[in-house]
Amino acid sequence: MPLYLYPNVYESGSIPKAWEPDRGAVIKYPVRNRKVRQYLQGLLPGKWQKVIKNGNIGEIHYFEHESGTTAGAKYFSHGDTP
């Protein structure tokens, strides 16, 4: 599945309007999967991170470039979290 770039995670259309982030509930770490990292580098060279952000009705997982550009946003309700 191709990943598309968005100026921020909300522009992706994957985040429900009722979702609000919890304060301080963010995990960021380098993209560990080599193939995914190479694919992201092909879209936009630079440093990419995997981000998991918890919110009031679920959490979102996405990739974030050092510029703030995002890709691959997915929403998981609290019952569906992997």
Protein backbone atom coordinates (compact mmCIF):
# COMPACT_ATOMS: atom_id res chain seq x y z
CA MET A 1 0.00 0.00 0.00
CA PRO A 2 1.51 3.34 -0.97
CA LEU A 3 2.05 6.02 1.65
CA TYR A 4 1.07 9.60 0.96
CA LEU A 5 2.60 12.70 2.49
CA TYR A 6 0.52 15.20 4.44
CA PRO A 7 1.50 18.50 6.06
CA ASN A 8 0.21 17.15 9.40
CA VAL A 9 -1.52 14.06 10.72
CA TYR A 10 -4.97 15.69 10.74
CA GLU A 11 -4.81 16.37 6.99
CA SER A 12 -4.60 12.62 6.32
CA GLY A 13 -8.32 12.13 6.93
CA SER A 14 -7.62 9.07 9.10
CA ILE A 15 -8.25 10.80 12.42
CA PRO A 16 -11.85 11.05 13.71
CA LYS A 17 -13.01 14.60 14.43
CA ALA A 18 -13.85 13.65 18.03
CA TRP A 19 -10.29 12.44 18.71
CA GLU A 20 -8.20 14.64 20.99
CA PRO A 21 -4.64 13.83 22.10
CA ASP A 22 -3.93 13.02 25.73
CA ARG A 23 -1.38 15.33 27.31
CA GLY A 24 2.10 13.79 27.29
CA ALA A 25 0.93 10.49 25.78
CA VAL A 26 3.32 10.38 22.80
CA ILE A 27 5.93 7.77 21.93
CA LYS A 28 8.46 8.54 19.19
CA TYR A 29 11.24 6.27 17.99
CA PRO A 30 13.31 5.79 14.81
CA VAL A 31 11.79 3.75 11.98
CA ARG A 32 13.36 0.32 12.52
CA ASN A 33 12.02 -1.53 9.49
CA ARG A 34 14.69 -1.05 6.83
CA LYS A 35 12.36 -1.38 3.84
CA VAL A 36 9.86 1.09 5.28
CA ARG A 37 12.67 3.50 6.16
CA GLN A 38 14.05 3.29 2.61
CA TYR A 39 10.58 3.84 1.15
CA LEU A 40 10.05 6.91 3.34
CA GLN A 41 13.51 8.23 2.39
CA GLY A 42 12.47 7.88 -1.25
CA LEU A 43 9.40 10.03 -0.60
CA LEU A 44 11.25 12.69 1.39
CA PRO A 45 14.93 12.40 2.36
CA GLY A 46 15.78 13.13 5.98
CA LYS A 47 15.07 11.76 9.44
CA TRP A 48 11.81 9.84 9.95
CA GLN A 49 10.26 8.66 13.22
CA LYS A 50 7.44 6.30 14.11
CA VAL A 51 4.91 8.10 16.34
CA ILE A 52 2.23 6.61 18.57
CA LYS A 53 -0.11 9.17 20.08
CA ASN A 54 -2.76 8.21 22.62
CA GLY A 55 -6.04 10.10 22.73
CA ASN A 56 -9.45 10.24 24.33
CA ILE A 57 -11.13 7.63 22.09
CA GLY A 58 -8.15 5.75 20.66
CA GLU A 59 -4.62 6.12 19.41
CA ILE A 60 -2.97 7.06 16.15
CA HIS A 61 0.15 5.58 14.62
CA TYR A 62 2.05 7.41 11.89
CA PHE A 63 5.45 8.30 10.49
CA GLU A 64 6.75 11.82 11.02
CA HIS A 65 9.53 13.53 9.08
CA GLU A 66 11.86 16.01 10.77
CA SER A 67 10.03 18.77 8.85
CA GLY A 68 6.69 17.81 10.45
CA THR A 69 5.36 16.12 7.31
CA THR A 70 3.50 12.89 8.09
CA ALA A 71 2.72 9.64 6.28
CA GLY A 72 0.85 6.41 6.94
CA ALA A 73 -1.55 7.64 9.63
CA LYS A 74 -3.77 4.94 11.11
CA TYR A 75 -6.36 5.25 13.85
CA PHE A 76 -7.08 2.48 16.36
CA SER A 77 -9.96 2.72 18.80
CA HIS A 78 -9.03 1.63 22.32
CA GLY A 79 -10.55 -1.80 21.66
CA ASP A 80 -8.61 -2.30 18.40
CA THR A 81 -5.11 -1.27 19.52
CA PRO A 82 -2.49 -3.71 18.19
